[in-house]
Protein backbone atom coordinates (compact mmCIF):
# COMPACT_ATOMS: atom_id res chain seq x y z
CA MET A 1 75.55 74.83 84.05
CA PRO A 2 73.25 72.08 85.44
CA VAL A 3 70.26 73.20 87.50
CA SER A 4 71.62 71.56 90.65
CA LYS A 5 74.94 73.41 90.37
CA ILE A 6 73.19 76.70 89.67
CA ARG A 7 70.98 76.21 92.70
CA ARG A 8 73.95 75.37 94.96
CA PHE A 9 75.79 78.42 93.67
CA GLY A 10 72.72 80.59 94.24
CA LEU A 11 72.28 79.38 97.82
CA SER A 12 75.99 79.89 98.58
CA ALA A 13 75.85 83.39 97.16
CA CYS A 14 72.77 84.18 99.25
CA ALA A 15 74.48 82.90 102.39
CA ALA A 16 77.56 85.01 101.73
CA LEU A 17 75.47 88.09 101.02
CA GLY A 18 73.45 87.46 104.17
CA ALA A 19 76.63 87.43 106.24
CA LEU A 20 77.74 90.73 104.73
CA LEU A 21 74.37 92.31 105.45
CA ALA A 22 74.48 91.05 109.02
CA LEU A 23 77.89 92.65 109.51
CA ALA A 24 76.47 95.86 108.12
CA GLY A 25 73.54 95.70 110.53
CA LEU A 26 71.01 95.26 107.69
CA PRO A 27 68.04 92.85 107.76
CA GLN A 28 68.44 89.56 105.90
CA GLY A 29 64.75 89.31 104.91
CA ALA A 30 65.47 90.63 101.42
CA VAL A 31 68.05 87.89 100.90
CA ALA A 32 65.68 85.18 102.09
CA GLN A 33 63.05 86.41 99.65
CA GLU A 34 65.46 85.95 96.76
CA ARG A 35 65.82 82.21 97.38
CA PHE A 36 63.53 80.25 95.07
CA PRO A 37 62.04 77.75 95.43
CA ALA A 38 61.85 77.50 99.21
CA LYS A 39 58.59 75.54 99.51
CA PRO A 40 56.44 73.19 97.40
CA ILE A 41 55.08 74.55 94.12
CA HIS A 42 51.40 74.02 93.32
CA VAL A 43 50.43 73.34 89.71
CA VAL A 44 46.76 73.90 88.98
CA VAL A 45 45.38 71.45 86.43
CA PRO A 46 41.99 72.77 85.24
CA PHE A 47 40.73 69.28 84.40
CA PRO A 48 39.63 66.21 86.39
CA PRO A 49 42.32 63.76 87.56
CA GLY A 50 43.45 61.16 85.05
CA GLY A 51 43.51 61.41 81.31
CA ILE A 52 46.16 62.76 79.02
CA ASN A 53 46.89 65.83 81.17
CA ASP A 54 48.22 63.55 83.94
CA THR A 55 50.13 61.42 81.43
CA VAL A 56 51.89 64.54 80.18
CA ALA A 57 52.45 66.48 83.38
CA ARG A 58 53.37 64.07 86.17
CA PRO A 59 56.69 62.69 84.88
CA ILE A 60 57.92 66.14 83.85
CA LEU A 61 56.94 67.79 87.13
CA LYS A 62 58.54 64.94 89.08
CA LYS A 63 61.81 65.50 87.21
CA MET A 64 61.61 69.26 87.75
CA GLY A 65 61.13 68.63 91.45
CA ASP A 66 64.20 66.41 91.54
CA LEU A 67 66.27 69.09 89.79
CA LEU A 68 65.08 71.88 92.09
CA ASN A 69 65.02 69.70 95.23
CA ILE A 70 61.43 70.71 95.91
CA GLY A 71 58.01 69.10 95.58
CA PHE A 72 55.44 69.88 92.90
CA VAL A 73 51.83 69.41 94.02
CA ILE A 74 49.14 68.86 91.39
CA ASP A 75 45.90 70.67 92.23
CA ASN A 76 43.00 69.56 90.01
CA ARG A 77 40.38 72.31 89.67
CA PRO A 78 38.01 71.32 86.87
CA GLY A 79 34.87 73.13 85.79
CA ALA A 80 33.44 75.42 83.12
CA SER A 81 35.54 73.85 80.34
CA GLY A 82 38.73 74.46 82.29
CA THR A 83 38.19 78.18 82.82
CA ILE A 84 37.70 77.97 86.62
CA GLY A 85 41.15 76.61 87.39
CA THR A 86 42.78 78.75 84.72
CA ALA A 87 41.22 81.93 86.10
CA ALA A 88 42.34 80.99 89.62
CA VAL A 89 45.98 81.04 88.51
CA ALA A 90 45.51 84.34 86.70
CA ARG A 91 44.45 85.82 90.06
CA ALA A 92 47.13 84.05 92.13
CA GLU A 93 50.08 85.72 93.83
CA PRO A 94 52.82 86.11 91.17
CA ASP A 95 55.54 84.52 93.28
CA GLY A 96 56.17 81.31 91.33
CA TYR A 97 54.45 79.03 93.83
CA THR A 98 51.17 78.73 91.92
CA LEU A 99 51.49 77.62 88.30
CA LEU A 100 49.11 76.49 85.57
CA LEU A 101 49.12 73.46 83.34
CA GLY A 102 47.79 75.29 80.31
CA ALA A 103 46.35 73.39 77.36
CA ALA A 104 45.34 74.19 73.81
CA SER A 105 41.69 74.15 74.86
CA THR A 106 41.96 76.57 77.80
CA MET A 107 44.61 78.86 76.32
CA ALA A 108 43.56 79.10 72.67
CA VAL A 109 40.18 77.51 71.96
CA VAL A 110 37.61 77.93 74.74
CA PRO A 111 38.27 81.69 75.15
CA HIS A 112 36.79 82.17 71.66
CA MET A 113 33.78 79.95 72.36
CA MET A 114 32.46 81.98 75.32
CA LYS A 115 30.99 85.47 75.40
CA THR A 116 32.71 86.23 78.70
CA VAL A 117 36.02 84.66 79.73
CA PRO A 118 37.48 85.38 83.21
CA TYR A 119 41.07 85.70 81.93
CA SER A 120 43.20 86.58 78.93
CA SER A 121 45.51 83.78 77.90
CA THR A 122 47.92 86.24 76.27
CA ARG A 123 47.95 88.96 78.97
CA ASP A 124 47.32 87.31 82.33
CA PHE A 125 50.06 84.68 82.18
CA ALA A 126 53.83 84.50 81.85
CA PRO A 127 54.89 81.44 79.83
CA ILE A 128 57.52 79.20 81.43
CA GLY A 129 57.72 76.89 78.43
CA GLY A 130 56.04 74.08 76.57
CA LEU A 131 55.55 70.53 77.83
CA ALA A 132 54.23 68.36 75.03
CA SER A 133 52.41 68.31 71.72
CA VAL A 134 50.10 65.37 71.09
CA PRO A 135 48.64 64.59 67.66
CA SER A 136 45.15 63.20 67.26
CA VAL A 137 43.94 60.27 65.19
CA MET A 138 40.58 60.08 63.45
CA ILE A 139 39.28 56.62 64.28
CA SER A 140 36.17 54.64 63.39
CA GLY A 141 34.42 51.77 65.11
CA HIS A 142 33.27 50.36 61.76
CA PRO A 143 36.38 48.74 60.22
CA ALA A 144 34.44 47.07 57.41
CA GLN A 145 32.48 50.19 56.44
CA PHE A 146 35.31 52.72 56.83
CA PRO A 147 38.62 50.96 56.12
CA ASP A 148 40.29 54.18 54.92
CA PHE A 149 39.84 57.89 54.28
CA ALA A 150 38.55 57.38 50.73
CA ALA A 151 35.67 55.29 52.08
CA VAL A 152 34.91 57.97 54.67
CA LEU A 153 34.78 60.72 52.03
CA ALA A 154 32.56 58.63 49.77
CA GLU A 155 30.08 57.99 52.57
CA LEU A 156 30.11 61.65 53.66
CA LYS A 157 29.14 62.69 50.13
CA LYS A 158 26.47 59.99 49.92
CA ARG A 159 24.94 60.76 53.34
CA PRO A 160 25.49 64.45 54.14
CA GLY A 161 24.53 65.38 57.69
CA GLU A 162 24.01 61.77 58.80
CA LEU A 163 27.40 60.51 59.99
CA THR A 164 28.30 61.26 63.60
CA TYR A 165 31.37 61.93 65.71
CA GLY A 166 31.71 61.87 69.46
CA SER A 167 33.59 64.11 71.86
CA ALA A 168 34.46 64.32 75.55
CA GLY A 169 32.26 67.41 75.65
CA PRO A 170 31.79 70.79 73.96
CA GLY A 171 35.04 72.68 73.54
CA THR A 172 37.29 69.64 73.92
CA SER A 173 39.88 68.75 71.29
CA HIS A 174 37.62 65.92 70.06
CA HIS A 175 34.96 68.53 69.28
CA THR A 176 36.97 71.45 67.95
CA GLN A 177 39.32 69.40 65.78
CA MET A 178 36.44 67.57 64.11
CA SER A 179 34.64 70.89 63.59
CA PHE A 180 37.80 72.15 61.91
CA LEU A 181 37.91 69.02 59.73
CA ASN A 182 34.26 69.54 58.75
CA LEU A 183 35.22 73.07 57.70
CA GLU A 184 38.20 71.93 55.63
CA LEU A 185 36.27 69.12 53.93
CA GLY A 186 33.04 71.05 53.46
CA THR A 187 31.16 68.26 55.23
CA SER A 188 28.54 68.17 57.98
CA MET A 189 29.29 65.34 60.40
CA LEU A 190 27.04 65.62 63.46
CA HIS A 191 28.51 66.26 66.92
CA VAL A 192 27.49 63.95 69.78
CA PRO A 193 28.94 65.28 73.07
CA TYR A 194 29.64 63.01 76.04
CA LYS A 195 30.72 63.64 79.63
CA GLY A 196 34.29 62.47 79.17
CA SER A 197 36.31 60.58 76.59
CA GLY A 198 35.61 57.17 78.17
CA PRO A 199 31.87 57.16 77.33
CA ALA A 200 32.63 58.48 73.83
CA MET A 201 35.10 55.66 73.19
CA ALA A 202 32.63 53.11 74.59
CA ASP A 203 29.93 54.23 72.18
CA LEU A 204 32.40 54.24 69.28
CA LEU A 205 33.30 50.63 70.07
CA GLY A 206 29.61 49.83 70.44
CA GLY A 207 28.74 51.31 67.06
CA GLN A 208 26.54 54.14 68.37
CA ILE A 209 28.73 56.81 66.73
CA ASP A 210 30.82 56.69 63.58
CA PHE A 211 34.02 58.59 64.39
CA LEU A 212 36.19 60.02 67.14
CA MET A 213 39.18 62.36 66.89
CA ASP A 214 41.23 60.88 69.70
CA PRO A 215 44.66 61.78 71.11
CA LEU A 216 47.30 59.33 69.90
CA PRO A 217 48.17 57.89 73.37
CA THR A 218 44.60 56.68 73.99
CA THR A 219 44.19 55.51 70.40
CA LEU A 220 47.24 53.27 70.79
CA ALA A 221 45.55 51.44 73.65
CA GLN A 222 42.66 50.46 71.36
CA VAL A 223 44.42 49.72 68.07
CA GLY A 224 45.40 46.18 69.02
CA SER A 225 41.80 45.22 69.79
CA GLY A 226 40.82 45.16 66.13
CA LYS A 227 37.61 46.99 67.00
CA ILE A 228 38.71 50.35 65.63
CA VAL A 229 40.44 51.50 62.48
CA PRO A 230 42.79 54.54 62.54
CA ILE A 231 41.98 56.58 59.43
CA ALA A 232 44.38 59.54 59.52
CA ILE A 233 46.63 61.45 61.93
CA THR A 234 46.75 65.23 62.46
CA SER A 235 50.56 65.60 62.67
CA ALA A 236 52.81 66.87 59.88
CA GLN A 237 54.54 63.48 59.57
CA ARG A 238 53.41 59.93 60.19
CA SER A 239 53.87 58.58 63.70
CA PRO A 240 56.47 55.80 64.08
CA LEU A 241 53.94 54.17 66.41
CA LEU A 242 51.35 54.01 63.59
CA PRO A 243 53.54 53.99 60.49
CA THR A 244 50.80 52.81 58.12
CA VAL A 245 48.39 55.59 59.07
CA PRO A 246 48.62 58.57 56.68
CA THR A 247 48.55 62.22 57.71
CA PHE A 248 45.64 64.41 56.67
CA ILE A 249 48.17 66.50 54.73
CA GLU A 250 49.14 63.43 52.70
CA LEU A 251 45.47 62.85 51.97
CA GLY A 252 45.05 66.33 50.52
CA VAL A 253 43.70 68.21 53.56
CA LYS A 254 46.54 70.70 53.30
CA ASN A 255 45.74 73.04 56.20
CA PHE A 256 44.83 70.37 58.72
CA GLU A 257 47.80 70.04 61.08
CA VAL A 258 46.64 70.34 64.68
CA SER A 259 47.57 68.97 68.08
CA THR A 260 46.58 68.91 71.71
CA TRP A 261 49.41 70.79 73.40
CA PHE A 262 50.35 71.59 76.98
CA GLY A 263 52.51 74.29 78.53
CA LEU A 264 53.51 75.58 81.96
CA PHE A 265 52.48 79.12 82.90
CA ALA A 266 52.85 81.48 85.86
CA PRO A 267 50.70 84.50 86.68
CA ALA A 268 51.71 87.67 84.89
CA ARG A 269 54.19 89.87 86.81
CA THR A 270 56.03 86.86 88.24
CA PRO A 271 59.66 88.00 88.80
CA PRO A 272 61.97 87.27 85.84
CA ALA A 273 64.50 85.46 88.05
CA VAL A 274 61.80 83.07 89.27
CA LEU A 275 60.62 82.42 85.72
CA ALA A 276 64.20 81.78 84.61
CA THR A 277 64.71 79.17 87.34
CA LEU A 278 61.51 77.37 86.37
CA THR A 279 62.25 77.53 82.65
CA GLU A 280 65.74 76.10 83.15
CA ALA A 281 64.38 73.20 85.20
CA LEU A 282 61.58 72.53 82.70
CA ASN A 283 63.91 72.44 79.71
CA ALA A 284 66.37 70.22 81.57
CA ALA A 285 63.53 67.82 82.36
CA LEU A 286 62.42 67.70 78.73
CA ARG A 287 66.00 66.92 77.63
CA ASP A 288 66.30 64.06 80.11
CA PRO A 289 66.65 60.79 78.12
CA ALA A 290 64.20 58.89 80.33
CA ILE A 291 61.56 61.60 79.97
CA ALA A 292 62.10 61.83 76.22
CA GLN A 293 61.86 58.06 75.81
CA GLY A 294 58.70 57.88 77.91
CA MET A 295 57.04 60.59 75.86
CA ALA A 296 58.03 58.99 72.55
CA SER A 297 56.64 55.62 73.62
CA ARG A 298 53.27 57.25 74.28
CA GLY A 299 53.13 59.21 71.03
CA MET A 300 53.94 62.61 72.53
CA ASP A 301 56.47 65.13 71.24
CA PRO A 302 58.41 67.44 73.62
CA LEU A 303 57.31 71.05 73.15
CA LEU A 304 60.69 72.57 73.97
CA LYS A 305 60.28 76.35 73.73
CA SER A 306 61.67 79.44 75.41
CA PRO A 307 59.17 81.73 77.18
CA ALA A 308 59.25 84.13 74.22
CA GLU A 309 58.72 81.29 71.75
CA MET A 310 55.87 79.92 73.85
CA ALA A 311 54.21 83.35 73.94
CA LYS A 312 54.34 83.52 70.12
CA TYR A 313 53.04 79.96 69.89
CA VAL A 314 50.03 80.73 72.11
CA ALA A 315 49.29 83.90 70.12
CA ALA A 316 49.41 81.98 66.83
CA GLU A 317 47.15 79.23 68.20
CA ASN A 318 44.64 81.86 69.33
CA LEU A 319 44.63 83.35 65.85
CA LEU A 320 44.05 79.93 64.27
CA TRP A 321 41.23 78.83 66.54
CA LYS A 322 39.51 82.21 66.60
CA GLY A 323 39.17 81.93 62.82
CA VAL A 324 37.94 78.33 62.96
CA ILE A 325 35.36 79.09 65.63
CA GLU A 326 34.06 82.18 63.84
CA LYS A 327 33.59 80.17 60.64
CA THR A 328 32.09 77.06 62.24
CA LYS A 329 29.98 79.07 64.71
CA ILE A 330 30.54 76.57 67.52
CA GLY A 331 30.24 77.94 71.04
CA LEU A 332 29.68 77.19 74.70
CA ASP A 333 27.18 79.93 75.59
């Protein structure tokens, strides 16, 4: 049954039950509390405004709001590699009105890079579902020197510890995915952290750094300039938007399939009925043809998962990145 019909049915049922309780002389407060949502829902985004998190979240939340006939308000709370905003949702009232835009970094990577983390991504949150999975592309600003992966490998062997890669900062996907690649290749590319992906891309284009592991949507904006060369993509299959760019798996890096993913989470102990309403609206939004087309055009894949599937996914991602971080010894403390 469509979300709108379910909601109308639910409101009608509540009204009927309220009338019965009134006849019985019972308070209707309990009935009113069952209606959800009855006011705008705040979604905490633990990153600054703009960037891929906005590209992913805004269209989906807008569609969810249309389906539920309620507004979704984005509340950016950046800081401490995303842990400040994430921890705020873990402590929030579990009533469904404060949600979290969780990401691979905050839910599976950063918790293993800090000695003390103010939340548990597997215990303090109730998954509503996935939003999107976004592959990354290893790119270079030296098209003549690094036209393909074979040239990159040859130069890495010739100049160990000299080639550099940039990131938007420690703990970001740019950083952790390249650290993982170093591990898989047995190489030692040097990390150059920046305060944001914009400065990192600027220095790549200017030739100050050699490589960047960049999310596909932002890579697409630069490909046409001729100033960068996409070397390989982290997805299991080639992207139709970059059909000539091979996957790392094709190139022999068998275990290197990673993505920047996003999901929607509520505080633990949120009522099951509230979670079910949100999950139904989220999945309906992801199945909407306009949403699906918009995501595909930007190089994003819908991460359509049930709450149970999302919980397993987060647990598996934690296991993966815990191992990578222990072996690479990267950290934030």
